[in-house]
Protein backbone atom coordinates (compact mmCIF):
# COMPACT_ATOMS: atom_id res chain seq x y z
CA MET A 1 -125.01 -58.37 -2.33
CA GLY A 2 -126.42 -54.87 -2.24
CA ILE A 3 -128.54 -53.19 -4.88
CA LYS A 4 -125.68 -50.86 -5.84
CA HIS A 5 -123.43 -53.85 -6.48
CA ILE A 6 -126.09 -55.58 -8.60
CA ILE A 7 -126.69 -52.42 -10.64
CA ALA A 8 -122.93 -52.01 -11.11
CA LEU A 9 -122.62 -55.61 -12.34
CA GLU A 10 -125.53 -55.11 -14.74
CA SER A 11 -124.06 -51.90 -16.10
CA ASP A 12 -120.67 -53.59 -16.50
CA THR A 13 -122.36 -56.36 -18.46
CA VAL A 14 -124.23 -53.96 -20.72
CA SER A 15 -121.15 -51.81 -21.29
CA GLU A 16 -119.09 -54.96 -21.86
CA ARG A 17 -116.55 -54.18 -19.15
CA SER A 18 -114.76 -56.93 -17.29
CA ILE A 19 -116.00 -57.80 -13.84
CA ARG A 20 -113.75 -58.82 -10.97
CA ILE A 21 -114.86 -61.22 -8.27
CA PRO A 22 -112.78 -61.23 -5.07
CA PHE A 23 -111.20 -64.66 -4.60
CA GLU A 24 -108.58 -66.04 -2.24
CA PHE A 25 -106.20 -68.63 -3.69
CA THR A 26 -104.95 -70.60 -0.70
CA ASP A 27 -103.47 -73.65 -2.48
CA THR A 28 -101.04 -72.60 -5.19
CA GLY A 29 -99.20 -75.94 -5.46
CA SER A 30 -100.45 -76.49 -9.02
CA LEU A 31 -99.32 -73.05 -10.15
CA PRO A 32 -96.35 -73.17 -12.55
CA GLY A 33 -93.21 -71.24 -11.62
CA GLY A 34 -93.29 -67.59 -12.60
CA LYS A 35 -97.11 -67.34 -12.62
CA LYS A 36 -98.75 -64.95 -10.18
CA LEU A 37 -102.37 -64.86 -9.06
CA ASP A 38 -104.42 -61.80 -8.27
CA ASP A 39 -106.86 -61.44 -5.38
CA TYR A 40 -109.64 -61.44 -7.99
CA ILE A 41 -111.03 -63.66 -10.69
CA THR A 42 -111.70 -61.53 -13.75
CA ILE A 43 -114.50 -62.36 -16.16
CA THR A 44 -114.21 -60.60 -19.48
CA PRO A 45 -117.09 -60.26 -21.95
CA LEU A 46 -117.39 -63.64 -23.60
CA THR A 47 -116.63 -64.02 -27.25
CA VAL A 48 -118.95 -65.82 -29.61
CA ARG A 49 -116.28 -68.52 -29.95
CA SER A 50 -116.35 -69.12 -26.18
CA TRP A 51 -120.16 -69.23 -26.21
CA PHE A 52 -120.11 -71.88 -28.96
CA ARG A 53 -117.63 -73.90 -26.92
CA ILE A 54 -119.70 -73.59 -23.72
CA LYS A 55 -123.10 -74.36 -25.27
CA PRO A 56 -122.66 -78.16 -25.67
CA PHE A 57 -121.69 -78.44 -22.01
CA LEU A 58 -124.79 -76.49 -20.96
CA LEU A 59 -126.98 -78.70 -23.12
CA ALA A 60 -125.60 -81.77 -21.33
CA ILE A 61 -127.05 -80.51 -18.03
CA GLU A 62 -130.69 -81.44 -17.46
CA LYS A 63 -133.02 -78.42 -17.63
CA ASP A 64 -134.36 -78.88 -14.10
CA ASP A 65 -130.87 -79.20 -12.66
CA LEU A 66 -129.63 -76.15 -14.56
CA ALA A 67 -132.62 -74.17 -13.31
CA LYS A 68 -131.74 -75.13 -9.72
CA ILE A 69 -128.09 -74.20 -10.20
CA THR A 70 -128.91 -70.80 -11.71
CA ARG A 71 -131.86 -70.05 -9.42
CA ASN A 72 -131.35 -67.05 -7.20
CA ASP A 73 -134.31 -66.72 -4.87
CA GLY A 74 -132.38 -65.22 -1.98
CA ASN A 75 -131.94 -68.56 -0.23
CA GLU A 76 -128.20 -69.11 0.17
CA PHE A 77 -128.39 -72.86 0.77
CA HIS A 78 -130.39 -75.37 -1.21
CA PRO A 79 -130.02 -78.91 0.14
CA GLU A 80 -130.02 -80.50 -3.33
CA LEU A 81 -127.29 -78.26 -4.78
CA PRO A 82 -124.21 -80.18 -3.58
CA GLU A 83 -125.56 -83.36 -5.16
CA ILE A 84 -126.43 -81.59 -8.43
CA MET A 85 -123.08 -79.82 -8.53
CA SER A 86 -121.23 -83.10 -7.97
CA LYS A 87 -123.31 -84.78 -10.70
CA TYR A 88 -122.02 -82.25 -13.25
CA ASP A 89 -118.68 -81.36 -11.68
CA GLN A 90 -116.54 -81.92 -14.80
CA LEU A 91 -119.04 -80.18 -17.11
CA ILE A 92 -119.28 -77.20 -14.80
CA MET A 93 -115.49 -76.97 -14.47
CA ASN A 94 -115.20 -77.09 -18.29
CA ILE A 95 -117.68 -74.21 -18.60
CA ILE A 96 -115.87 -72.18 -15.95
CA CYS A 97 -112.42 -72.77 -17.47
CA ILE A 98 -113.56 -71.86 -20.98
CA GLY A 99 -115.50 -68.85 -19.69
CA LEU A 100 -112.62 -67.50 -17.60
CA HIS A 101 -109.93 -68.26 -20.20
CA ASN A 102 -112.13 -66.82 -23.00
CA LYS A 103 -109.52 -67.23 -25.72
CA LYS A 104 -109.17 -69.17 -28.94
CA SER A 105 -106.82 -71.67 -27.30
CA ASP A 106 -107.78 -74.26 -24.70
CA PRO A 107 -107.31 -73.30 -21.06
CA PRO A 108 -103.97 -74.61 -19.76
CA ALA A 109 -104.07 -77.71 -17.52
CA TRP A 110 -102.57 -75.79 -14.58
CA PHE A 111 -105.46 -73.30 -14.83
CA ARG A 112 -108.01 -76.05 -14.25
CA ASP A 113 -105.88 -77.59 -11.48
CA VAL A 114 -105.51 -74.30 -9.59
CA LEU A 115 -109.25 -73.66 -9.80
CA SER A 116 -110.05 -77.21 -8.69
CA ASP A 117 -107.64 -76.93 -5.77
CA ASN A 118 -109.13 -73.66 -4.54
CA CYS A 119 -112.87 -73.82 -5.30
CA THR A 120 -115.66 -75.23 -3.19
CA TRP A 121 -118.91 -76.31 -4.85
CA GLU A 122 -120.36 -72.96 -3.80
CA ASP A 123 -117.47 -71.13 -5.50
CA THR A 124 -118.00 -73.10 -8.70
CA ARG A 125 -121.71 -72.28 -8.63
CA ILE A 126 -120.95 -68.57 -8.20
CA LEU A 127 -118.40 -68.62 -11.03
CA LEU A 128 -120.75 -70.57 -13.30
CA ASN A 129 -123.56 -68.10 -12.66
CA ALA A 130 -121.23 -65.14 -13.21
CA ILE A 131 -120.16 -66.56 -16.59
CA LEU A 132 -123.75 -67.31 -17.60
CA TYR A 133 -124.73 -63.82 -16.49
CA ARG A 134 -121.98 -62.31 -18.65
CA ILE A 135 -123.33 -63.98 -21.78
CA GLY A 136 -126.91 -63.00 -20.98
CA TYR A 137 -127.90 -66.65 -20.63
CA ASN A 138 -130.33 -66.16 -17.75
CA SER A 139 -132.39 -63.46 -19.42
CA PHE A 140 -132.36 -65.35 -22.72
CA TYR A 141 -133.36 -68.60 -20.99
CA LYS A 142 -136.15 -66.89 -19.04
CA SER A 143 -137.51 -65.18 -22.15
CA ILE A 144 -137.56 -68.46 -24.09
CA MET A 145 -139.20 -70.28 -21.17
CA THR A 146 -141.82 -67.53 -20.80
CA LEU A 147 -142.61 -67.65 -24.50
CA LYS A 148 -142.68 -71.44 -24.40
CA ASN A 149 -145.21 -71.39 -21.58
CA MET A 150 -147.43 -68.94 -23.46
CA SER A 151 -146.98 -70.32 -26.98
CA PRO A 152 -147.88 -73.56 -28.73
CA MET A 153 -144.47 -73.38 -30.47
CA THR A 154 -141.38 -75.20 -29.18
CA GLU A 155 -138.15 -73.42 -28.13
CA ALA A 156 -136.53 -74.18 -31.48
CA GLU A 157 -139.56 -72.88 -33.39
CA ILE A 158 -139.53 -69.65 -31.38
CA ILE A 159 -135.86 -69.05 -32.20
CA ALA A 160 -136.33 -70.12 -35.85
CA ALA A 161 -139.35 -67.82 -36.21
CA ARG A 162 -137.19 -64.86 -35.22
CA LYS A 163 -134.47 -65.91 -37.70
CA ASN A 164 -137.08 -66.37 -40.43
CA MET A 165 -138.47 -62.88 -39.76
CA GLU A 166 -134.98 -61.40 -40.02
CA SER A 167 -134.38 -63.14 -43.34
CA TRP A 168 -137.54 -61.55 -44.74
CA ILE A 169 -136.66 -58.09 -43.43
CA ASN A 170 -133.01 -58.16 -44.56
CA PRO A 171 -132.95 -59.97 -47.93
């Protein structure tokens, strides 16, 4: 992925435009009649409702494992990733389905089936990271972890301190 592409994705995130990831659907057996698929998977800016639905699934993934899944150090293959991805396969698919569907209703069953039929573990990792990127999870997580490493306060206290400050500023 080139620097221009990364900058474009970042600007799309900041400007809250949808991003499109090229994707080839080869197995459409689970697709209901009358439904058509594009050559892209579109990720729209996530709503707060979708974030609240995704958060419990993220919390169910161990911190070290989540850090390995979201790590992007330029190395395309990490030997432990297939095992980690299989450990959380249903959780990750739930996050992806909710993040891609991004509506008040639950994602339809065929939606999950079509994704499951066409995604490899690498595809699911890319989609998961794209969804987390769209909600600003990585930068938020890194900022909390940096503060945690430099502060005697816990993660919850850091977040609560900010909320407390806001309550004093805006009575």
